[in-house]
Amino acid sequence: MPQLDRPQRRRRNMALAVIVAAFVISFFQRFAPGGIAQDLAAAFGTTASSLGVLAATYFYVYTVMQVPTGIFVDTFGPRRILLFGGIVGALGSLMFGMAPTLEMALVGRTLIGLGVSVTFIAMLKFIAVWFDESRFASMVGLCLLVGNLGSVLAGLPLSWMAQTAGWRSVFVGVGALSLLLGIACWVLVRDHPDSPAGSLIKKPRFDRTVVLTGLLQVVRNRATWPAAWINFGVSGSFFTFGGLWATPFLTQAHGMTRAVAASHVSLYFAGFALGCVGIGAISDRLGKRKPVLIVGTHLYALTWLVWLSGVTLPLEVSYALFALMGALTASFTLTWACAKEVNPPLLSGMSTSVTNMGGFLAGAILQPLFGKVMDLHWAGGVTSTGSRLYTPADYHAGLLLLAITAAIGAIASWRIRETNCRNVWKPAAR
């Protein structure tokens, strides 16, 4: 890409800051049900299965939107897509916060998922266009570090705010913030360095033939799919556990207080945030993707054996294990670079979205499935608030599902094509 002058770099950095702020909201919305699982169960009188469906609704629409988002950002640019996401996400958060029934809450979560589903792919497209290719993994890791502030906020801080101001007020406030950030993206983001500040990009043209040809090219590329399977296994188990079931598991199966359990989840996300920066930097420094992925995904899969054993850990050890799991989970973030580097540069949005779809598909499947297997084993106990009480044995089958899923991601890492941190795609010979 051409060298940017100082004003262009300043505009680029301001735009990226606003996009990352919207990404923080996306992470917060993704993991928020875990921080208020008990409040939601009490407010709507849900079973574990229903609570899983409520949390997974976000993942259903997020999964469906990944490929269309990749197409849209490659065709229309990230600026318009981010404005759309801010408006829809704001409406969904307001509806969720004011929902009188579970059905209305489901509609709100659906709109939240629709709105925030565009943020990450738009951010990847912006980085791919505005930054040098050799810095892609490092920049994505840095943005994930900041973005993960949202997941940290969805742990102990959200639990505290929910008990202080009420969880409904929190989501109404987040909805207002989402709208402001969507407008800020429209004002500050430019789709390409050649677009001067204050001007509009030439109106894009949606060419169905070109779009479908590009998408088919990505999907038919066998080198794309190992990255998607790693996402399915590693990020899918991460989303399921950290996004909903970790806090109930720690409180009900290990007897922790809600504050201590929420602290574990916040530490999980903090470890993930730091791991994103560290793993991306290590990969870029080594000039390798595959060995870093293999080591990270295998160690992550092994950590699930500790929870499957049912052993009661000292508090400091369980804290350390959660932080380690978070750091190792971050290995899957290299898959976006892997997918981008084996496909045409102009299709970076589509290639990363196809890859990203794997993790959200797993989250959509596993969150309600985890609850379903727990309901099958439920012995009839209830908490003081009237929600269902589950035993350690009830959680074991759900944890086994996540362990198997993590193992799938580790196995897929052996099929990754090594790119040496550069685009290796070549057009087919005529």
Foldseek 3Di string as FASTA:
>chain_A
DDDDDPVLVVLLVLLLVLLLVLLLLLLLLLQQCAACVVVVCLQAVDFLLLSLLLNLLLLVLLLVCLQVLLLCCLFFNLLVLLLQLLLQLLVLLLQLLPPNYSVSVSVSSNSNSNSSSNSPLNSLLSCLAPDDLLCSLLVSLLSLLSSLVSLLCSFLVLNVCCVVVNNSVVSNVSSVVSNVSSVVSNQRDDRHSVADHPDHDDGTDDDPVVSVVQLCQLVVPPLLPLLLLLLQQLLQLVSQCLRHPQQLCCCQAVVDDSNLSSLLSSLLSNLLSVLSNVLSVVCSVVLKQLVSLLVLLVVLLVLLVVLLVSDHDDSVVSSVSSSSNNNSSSSSSCSLLLQCQAGDVSSSSNSSSSSNSSNSVSSSPLSSVQSVQLVVVFPDDADPSGHGRGYSVSNNVSSVVSSVSSVSSSVSSVVNDIRSSHRPYDDDDD
